[in-house]
Protein backbone atom coordinates (compact mmCIF):
# COMPACT_ATOMS: atom_id res chain seq x y z
CA UNK A 1 9.81 -27.07 29.31
CA UNK A 2 10.86 -23.55 28.37
CA UNK A 3 8.24 -20.89 28.97
CA UNK A 4 7.72 -18.75 25.87
CA UNK A 5 5.08 -16.25 26.95
CA UNK A 6 6.33 -14.16 29.92
CA UNK A 7 9.84 -12.69 29.68
CA UNK A 8 9.92 -12.34 33.46
CA UNK A 9 9.18 -16.01 34.14
CA UNK A 10 11.81 -18.46 35.20
CA UNK A 11 12.98 -20.57 32.30
CA UNK A 12 12.11 -17.96 29.66
CA UNK A 13 14.50 -18.36 26.73
CA UNK A 14 14.64 -15.50 24.21
CA UNK A 15 16.47 -17.71 21.71
CA UNK A 16 13.57 -20.16 21.63
CA UNK A 17 11.01 -17.37 21.30
CA UNK A 18 13.04 -15.55 18.64
CA UNK A 19 13.43 -18.73 16.60
CA UNK A 20 9.67 -19.36 16.76
CA UNK A 21 9.02 -15.77 15.62
CA UNK A 22 11.57 -16.05 12.78
CA UNK A 23 10.09 -19.34 11.59
CA UNK A 24 6.52 -18.01 11.59
CA UNK A 25 7.60 -14.68 10.03
CA UNK A 26 9.28 -16.40 7.09
CA UNK A 27 6.43 -18.88 6.62
CA UNK A 28 3.77 -16.13 6.56
CA UNK A 29 5.61 -13.29 4.84
CA UNK A 30 5.71 -11.34 8.09
CA UNK A 31 2.04 -11.78 9.05
CA UNK A 32 2.39 -13.02 12.64
CA UNK A 33 -0.69 -14.68 14.09
CA UNK A 34 0.69 -17.18 16.62
CA UNK A 35 3.87 -15.95 18.27
CA UNK A 36 3.50 -12.16 18.44
CA UNK A 37 0.15 -11.57 16.79
CA UNK A 38 -0.28 -8.07 15.43
CA UNK A 39 3.34 -7.04 15.98
CA UNK A 40 5.07 -4.98 13.32
CA UNK A 41 8.49 -6.57 13.00
CA UNK A 42 11.38 -6.91 10.64
CA UNK A 43 14.11 -9.54 10.68
CA UNK A 44 17.66 -8.20 10.91
CA UNK A 45 20.56 -10.46 9.98
CA UNK A 46 24.01 -9.34 11.10
CA UNK A 47 27.38 -11.01 10.58
CA UNK A 48 28.82 -12.36 13.84
CA UNK A 49 31.81 -10.28 14.90
CA UNK A 50 33.71 -13.39 16.03
CA UNK A 51 32.15 -16.21 14.00
CA UNK A 52 31.50 -14.55 10.65
CA UNK A 53 28.14 -16.39 10.52
CA UNK A 54 24.78 -14.75 9.99
CA UNK A 55 22.58 -14.15 13.05
CA UNK A 56 18.92 -13.15 12.66
CA UNK A 57 16.93 -11.14 15.20
CA UNK A 58 13.29 -10.02 15.07
CA UNK A 59 12.91 -6.32 15.90
CA UNK A 60 10.12 -3.76 16.10
CA UNK A 61 10.66 -0.74 13.88
CA UNK A 62 9.34 2.56 12.59
CA UNK A 63 9.91 4.07 9.15
CA UNK A 64 11.68 7.40 8.80
CA UNK A 65 10.67 9.12 5.58
CA UNK A 66 11.94 12.46 4.31
CA UNK A 67 9.30 15.14 4.19
CA UNK A 68 8.09 16.13 0.77
CA UNK A 69 9.88 19.18 -0.64
CA UNK A 70 6.44 20.38 -1.75
CA UNK A 71 5.26 20.77 1.85
CA UNK A 72 5.81 24.37 2.96
CA UNK A 73 7.59 24.84 6.27
CA UNK A 74 8.63 21.20 6.67
CA UNK A 75 12.36 20.79 7.21
CA UNK A 76 12.46 17.60 9.25
CA UNK A 77 11.87 14.05 8.03
CA UNK A 78 8.53 12.58 9.02
CA UNK A 79 8.11 9.25 10.78
CA UNK A 80 5.52 7.05 9.15
CA UNK A 81 3.62 4.74 11.47
CA UNK A 82 0.65 2.50 10.92
CA UNK A 83 -0.30 0.11 8.11
CA UNK A 84 1.61 2.05 5.45
CA UNK A 85 4.82 1.61 7.47
CA UNK A 86 5.35 -1.95 6.25
CA UNK A 87 6.39 -0.92 2.74
CA UNK A 88 10.04 -1.55 1.92
CA UNK A 89 12.19 1.57 2.24
CA UNK A 90 12.65 3.36 -1.05
CA UNK A 91 13.66 6.86 -2.12
CA UNK A 92 15.16 7.93 1.17
CA UNK A 93 12.91 5.98 3.53
CA UNK A 94 14.86 4.42 6.36
CA UNK A 95 13.95 1.80 8.95
CA UNK A 96 14.68 2.62 12.57
CA UNK A 97 15.24 0.03 15.33
CA UNK A 98 16.21 0.20 19.00
CA UNK A 99 19.13 -1.74 20.56
CA UNK A 100 17.48 -2.14 23.96
CA UNK A 101 18.41 -5.69 24.96
CA UNK A 102 15.44 -5.48 27.35
CA UNK A 103 17.23 -2.61 29.19
CA UNK A 104 20.22 -4.80 30.09
CA UNK A 105 23.52 -3.17 31.03
CA UNK A 106 25.17 -4.36 27.80
CA UNK A 107 24.27 -3.80 24.17
CA UNK A 108 22.60 -6.74 22.40
CA UNK A 109 24.90 -8.97 20.35
CA UNK A 110 23.21 -7.97 17.08
CA UNK A 111 24.23 -4.35 17.76
CA UNK A 112 27.83 -5.29 18.54
CA UNK A 113 27.85 -7.31 15.32
CA UNK A 114 26.72 -4.38 13.17
CA UNK A 115 29.29 -2.09 14.76
CA UNK A 116 31.94 -4.50 13.46
CA UNK A 117 30.16 -5.02 10.10
CA UNK A 118 27.51 -2.40 9.26
CA UNK A 119 26.29 -4.19 6.12
CA UNK A 120 23.21 -6.15 7.21
CA UNK A 121 20.30 -7.99 5.62
CA UNK A 122 16.72 -6.92 6.34
CA UNK A 123 13.58 -8.97 5.81
CA UNK A 124 10.48 -6.81 5.75
CA UNK A 125 7.44 -8.98 5.12
CA UNK A 126 8.29 -10.87 1.91
CA UNK A 127 11.00 -8.39 0.83
CA UNK A 128 14.65 -9.19 1.57
CA UNK A 129 17.41 -6.63 0.93
CA UNK A 130 20.86 -5.48 1.98
CA UNK A 131 21.12 -2.36 4.10
CA UNK A 132 23.71 -0.20 5.81
CA UNK A 133 23.30 0.22 9.57
CA UNK A 134 24.32 3.39 11.39
CA UNK A 135 23.81 4.60 14.95
CA UNK A 136 21.88 7.86 15.18
CA UNK A 137 23.42 10.56 17.38
CA UNK A 138 22.56 13.99 18.73
CA UNK A 139 19.31 15.64 17.62
CA UNK A 140 18.68 12.91 15.03
CA UNK A 141 18.80 10.26 17.78
CA UNK A 142 16.45 12.31 19.95
CA UNK A 143 13.94 12.73 17.12
CA UNK A 144 14.05 9.06 16.11
CA UNK A 145 13.89 7.88 19.75
CA UNK A 146 10.74 9.98 20.23
CA UNK A 147 9.22 8.36 17.13
CA UNK A 148 10.13 4.88 18.39
CA UNK A 149 8.50 5.36 21.78
CA UNK A 150 5.47 6.95 20.17
CA UNK A 151 5.07 3.87 17.99
CA UNK A 152 6.08 1.39 20.73
CA UNK A 153 5.38 3.06 24.12
CA UNK A 154 6.83 0.17 26.14
CA UNK A 155 10.30 1.13 24.95
CA UNK A 156 10.25 4.30 27.05
CA UNK A 157 10.69 2.28 30.25
CA UNK A 158 13.71 0.49 28.73
CA UNK A 159 15.72 3.73 28.57
CA UNK A 160 14.56 4.70 32.06
CA UNK A 161 15.80 1.36 33.42
CA UNK A 162 19.06 1.20 31.48
CA UNK A 163 22.39 2.46 32.78
CA UNK A 164 23.54 3.16 29.19
CA UNK A 165 22.15 5.25 26.37
CA UNK A 166 20.27 2.74 24.25
CA UNK A 167 21.36 3.03 20.62
CA UNK A 168 18.88 4.01 17.94
CA UNK A 169 19.88 2.33 14.69
CA UNK A 170 19.02 3.53 11.19
CA UNK A 171 18.86 0.96 8.39
CA UNK A 172 19.26 2.38 4.89
CA UNK A 173 18.53 0.14 1.90
CA UNK A 174 21.52 -0.36 -0.37
CA UNK A 175 21.07 -0.08 -4.16
């Protein structure tokens, strides 16, 4: 029997776990209670670079929201975290995910897929929409990476363990 609780255990199969998460996510509108209770996740569907078929992956995220122009002295976008972060991105809000692959030496397949085809589908709770994926670079990557590890502290060790710079991916809702 495949172990589904401890990623370090022998016989752990991410595909089995991911499928269980996807099934529960879709059945509950994103309110996970059994597989990853309390996790804030989205489902990202990319088009396979070789197969052309859709592949769905559950991912943790933060929301990047432009600062209000009415706020004096604020030039940088603000990262929204917490219960309000589950709203679908609108009016400049972007979702930010991390292509860690559990700190493996290679990028995850979903990331390689979106490099080949940046148009993706996002499921955020009960909302499903098309988005454009782009890899953040330079100061924007640094700022968004800091927001990711603030919201999900366990990610910090992934970059420390990896031999590659882990991509930070921005998902922008398409009209």
